[in-house]
Protein backbone atom coordinates (compact mmCIF):
# COMPACT_ATOMS: atom_id res chain seq x y z
CA UNK A 1 17.29 48.60 -71.78
CA UNK A 2 15.11 45.61 -71.48
CA UNK A 3 18.22 43.45 -70.89
CA UNK A 4 19.53 45.83 -68.23
CA UNK A 5 16.15 45.87 -66.49
CA UNK A 6 16.07 42.11 -66.36
CA UNK A 7 19.67 42.01 -65.16
CA UNK A 8 18.89 44.50 -62.39
CA UNK A 9 15.82 42.51 -61.41
CA UNK A 10 17.91 39.33 -61.41
CA UNK A 11 20.45 40.94 -59.12
CA UNK A 12 17.72 42.04 -56.74
CA UNK A 13 16.30 38.56 -56.77
CA UNK A 14 19.72 37.04 -56.03
CA UNK A 15 20.22 39.45 -53.13
CA UNK A 16 16.74 38.70 -51.85
CA UNK A 17 17.41 34.97 -52.08
CA UNK A 18 20.72 35.41 -50.26
CA UNK A 19 18.95 37.39 -47.56
CA UNK A 20 16.28 34.71 -47.31
CA UNK A 21 18.96 32.03 -47.04
CA UNK A 22 20.60 33.96 -44.18
CA UNK A 23 17.24 34.38 -42.41
CA UNK A 24 16.47 30.70 -42.94
CA UNK A 25 19.85 29.72 -41.53
CA UNK A 26 19.21 31.95 -38.49
CA UNK A 27 15.75 30.40 -38.05
CA UNK A 28 17.20 26.88 -38.27
CA UNK A 29 19.90 27.83 -35.75
CA UNK A 30 17.23 29.25 -33.40
CA UNK A 31 15.08 26.13 -33.84
CA UNK A 32 18.05 23.86 -33.06
CA UNK A 33 18.90 25.95 -30.01
CA UNK A 34 15.28 25.77 -28.86
CA UNK A 35 15.25 21.99 -29.41
CA UNK A 36 18.42 21.64 -27.30
CA UNK A 37 16.81 23.75 -24.56
CA UNK A 38 13.72 21.53 -24.60
CA UNK A 39 15.91 18.43 -24.46
CA UNK A 40 17.76 19.82 -21.43
CA UNK A 41 14.46 20.79 -19.79
CA UNK A 42 13.04 17.34 -20.51
CA UNK A 43 16.15 15.76 -18.99
CA UNK A 44 15.89 17.97 -15.91
CA UNK A 45 12.19 17.11 -15.51
CA UNK A 46 13.06 13.42 -15.89
CA UNK A 47 15.75 13.71 -13.20
CA UNK A 48 13.37 15.61 -10.93
CA UNK A 49 10.59 13.04 -11.44
CA UNK A 50 13.07 10.21 -10.91
CA UNK A 51 14.34 11.82 -7.72
CA UNK A 52 10.76 12.24 -6.47
CA UNK A 53 9.89 8.61 -7.25
CA UNK A 54 13.11 7.38 -5.62
CA UNK A 55 12.50 9.62 -2.58
CA UNK A 56 8.94 8.28 -2.32
CA UNK A 57 10.22 4.71 -2.46
CA UNK A 58 12.75 5.39 0.32
CA UNK A 59 10.03 7.02 2.45
CA UNK A 60 7.72 4.02 1.91
CA UNK A 61 10.49 1.59 2.84
CA UNK A 62 11.29 3.52 6.02
CA UNK A 63 7.56 3.49 6.87
CA UNK A 64 7.38 -0.28 6.34
CA UNK A 65 10.43 -0.88 8.53
CA UNK A 66 8.94 1.31 11.28
CA UNK A 67 5.61 -0.53 11.07
CA UNK A 68 7.36 -3.92 11.17
CA UNK A 69 9.42 -2.89 14.22
CA UNK A 70 6.34 -1.54 15.99
CA UNK A 71 4.45 -4.78 15.29
CA UNK A 72 7.47 -6.78 16.48
CA UNK A 73 7.40 -4.85 19.74
CA UNK A 74 3.71 -5.65 20.29
CA UNK A 75 4.23 -9.34 19.47
CA UNK A 76 7.22 -9.43 21.83
CA UNK A 77 5.10 -8.12 24.72
CA UNK A 78 2.99 -11.26 24.41
CA UNK A 79 5.62 -13.81 23.38
CA UNK A 80 8.69 -12.84 25.43
CA UNK A 81 7.59 -14.86 28.48
CA UNK A 82 6.83 -17.99 26.42
CA UNK A 83 8.52 -18.76 23.10
CA UNK A 84 10.26 -15.46 22.41
CA UNK A 85 9.93 -13.02 19.53
CA UNK A 86 11.79 -15.00 16.86
CA UNK A 87 9.71 -18.16 17.28
CA UNK A 88 6.48 -16.16 17.52
CA UNK A 89 7.29 -14.33 14.27
CA UNK A 90 8.08 -17.62 12.52
CA UNK A 91 4.79 -19.15 13.70
CA UNK A 92 2.77 -16.08 12.68
CA UNK A 93 4.49 -15.90 9.32
CA UNK A 94 3.49 -19.53 8.75
CA UNK A 95 -0.13 -18.71 9.65
CA UNK A 96 -0.07 -15.78 7.20
CA UNK A 97 1.27 -18.00 4.41
CA UNK A 98 -1.08 -20.92 5.15
CA UNK A 99 -4.16 -18.70 5.20
CA UNK A 100 -3.09 -16.21 2.49
CA UNK A 101 -3.50 -13.36 4.95
CA UNK A 102 -1.37 -10.23 5.42
CA UNK A 103 1.33 -10.72 8.06
CA UNK A 104 0.63 -7.37 9.74
CA UNK A 105 -3.04 -8.33 10.25
CA UNK A 106 -2.08 -11.77 11.65
CA UNK A 107 0.57 -10.29 13.96
CA UNK A 108 -1.72 -7.52 15.16
CA UNK A 109 -4.54 -9.95 15.98
CA UNK A 110 -2.13 -12.28 17.82
CA UNK A 111 -0.74 -9.38 19.88
CA UNK A 112 -4.15 -8.03 20.82
CA UNK A 113 -5.57 -11.47 21.56
CA UNK A 114 -2.58 -12.04 23.81
CA UNK A 115 -3.12 -8.78 25.70
CA UNK A 116 -6.87 -9.40 26.01
CA UNK A 117 -6.42 -12.94 27.34
CA UNK A 118 -3.36 -12.27 29.52
CA UNK A 119 -5.29 -12.82 32.76
CA UNK A 120 -6.68 -16.10 31.41
CA UNK A 121 -3.16 -17.43 30.93
CA UNK A 122 -3.57 -18.37 27.25
CA UNK A 123 -0.50 -20.12 25.85
CA UNK A 124 1.38 -19.15 22.71
CA UNK A 125 0.02 -22.19 20.86
CA UNK A 126 -3.56 -21.30 21.86
CA UNK A 127 -3.09 -17.72 20.62
CA UNK A 128 -1.58 -18.90 17.33
CA UNK A 129 -4.43 -21.43 16.97
CA UNK A 130 -7.08 -18.77 17.60
CA UNK A 131 -5.40 -16.41 15.14
CA UNK A 132 -5.30 -19.15 12.51
CA UNK A 133 -8.96 -20.02 13.13
CA UNK A 134 -10.00 -16.41 12.54
CA UNK A 135 -7.90 -16.27 9.35
CA UNK A 136 -9.44 -19.53 8.13
CA UNK A 137 -13.00 -18.32 8.80
CA UNK A 138 -12.22 -15.35 6.57
CA UNK A 139 -11.19 -17.71 3.78
CA UNK A 140 -14.38 -19.75 4.31
CA UNK A 141 -16.40 -16.54 4.11
CA UNK A 142 -14.83 -15.72 0.72
CA UNK A 143 -13.26 -12.45 1.87
CA UNK A 144 -10.75 -10.84 -0.47
CA UNK A 145 -7.20 -10.26 0.79
CA UNK A 146 -8.04 -6.61 1.53
CA UNK A 147 -11.32 -7.51 3.26
CA UNK A 148 -9.55 -10.19 5.31
CA UNK A 149 -6.85 -7.73 6.38
CA UNK A 150 -9.43 -5.08 7.29
CA UNK A 151 -11.61 -7.56 9.18
CA UNK A 152 -8.68 -8.93 11.20
CA UNK A 153 -7.52 -5.44 12.10
CA UNK A 154 -11.09 -4.51 13.13
CA UNK A 155 -11.34 -7.65 15.28
CA UNK A 156 -7.99 -6.89 16.90
CA UNK A 157 -9.23 -3.36 17.71
CA UNK A 158 -12.39 -4.83 19.23
CA UNK A 159 -10.24 -7.18 21.35
CA UNK A 160 -8.20 -4.20 22.56
CA UNK A 161 -11.30 -2.23 23.52
CA UNK A 162 -13.09 -5.26 24.99
CA UNK A 163 -16.22 -4.66 22.92
CA UNK A 164 -17.35 -5.70 19.44
CA UNK A 165 -19.51 -2.80 18.25
CA UNK A 166 -19.90 -0.13 15.59
CA UNK A 167 -17.48 -0.26 12.66
CA UNK A 168 -15.75 -3.33 14.06
CA UNK A 169 -19.00 -5.30 14.26
CA UNK A 170 -20.13 -4.11 10.80
CA UNK A 171 -16.80 -5.04 9.15
CA UNK A 172 -16.66 -8.49 10.72
CA UNK A 173 -20.34 -9.31 10.10
CA UNK A 174 -19.97 -8.32 6.44
CA UNK A 175 -16.61 -9.97 5.72
CA UNK A 176 -16.51 -12.90 8.14
CA UNK A 177 -19.85 -14.68 8.14
CA UNK A 178 -18.23 -17.93 9.29
CA UNK A 179 -16.78 -16.28 12.42
CA UNK A 180 -20.13 -14.66 13.24
CA UNK A 181 -21.80 -18.08 12.95
CA UNK A 182 -19.16 -19.56 15.29
CA UNK A 183 -19.69 -16.75 17.80
CA UNK A 184 -23.47 -17.11 17.67
CA UNK A 185 -23.22 -20.89 18.09
CA UNK A 186 -20.76 -20.73 20.99
CA UNK A 187 -22.90 -18.14 22.80
CA UNK A 188 -26.18 -19.92 22.05
CA UNK A 189 -27.52 -16.84 20.24
CA UNK A 190 -28.86 -16.05 16.79
CA UNK A 191 -27.11 -13.61 14.46
CA UNK A 192 -29.91 -11.12 15.13
CA UNK A 193 -29.38 -11.42 18.90
CA UNK A 194 -25.64 -10.85 18.41
CA UNK A 195 -26.41 -7.65 16.54
CA UNK A 196 -28.58 -6.42 19.42
CA UNK A 197 -25.75 -7.21 21.85
CA UNK A 198 -23.23 -5.16 19.89
């Protein structure tokens, strides 16, 4: 009887082990299926993220092209009667490279200087020279590339409005000390008097 009892217990144990093996196999199968699902999900997320990044890059490129064309149009308004757009862009690109200044800031300042001085009959060379002088004063003042770009855009806005005041004055006086000194000297004023005039 003792032998039979052990044999019966052994049989139960074998069946239990078999059942456990089946359950383990099912669990492994489920785990592998889940892992495949996660891999597919990860791949889909990667594709989605990649598509979003690519779409963002395309949108940025289209925005840059639009901005460049808009700037080209403004430069052309000033340069078409003198040297033409192509020559003006070449000259302004050279100024940007020589002074380590952003092309859009250089082009914008040139265009607005040209519009502001139209009645004075300023030549293309004079406008390019003035633009380069402003860019060089920013370098002398130790402005960073971002500060130089911001200051030139602020100055071009002031030229368009015909008045150097508010944010434009603050940006230029902070980032372009050399230009403020030139303005004060040419007007026979002190920096403090310039501030009162703004």
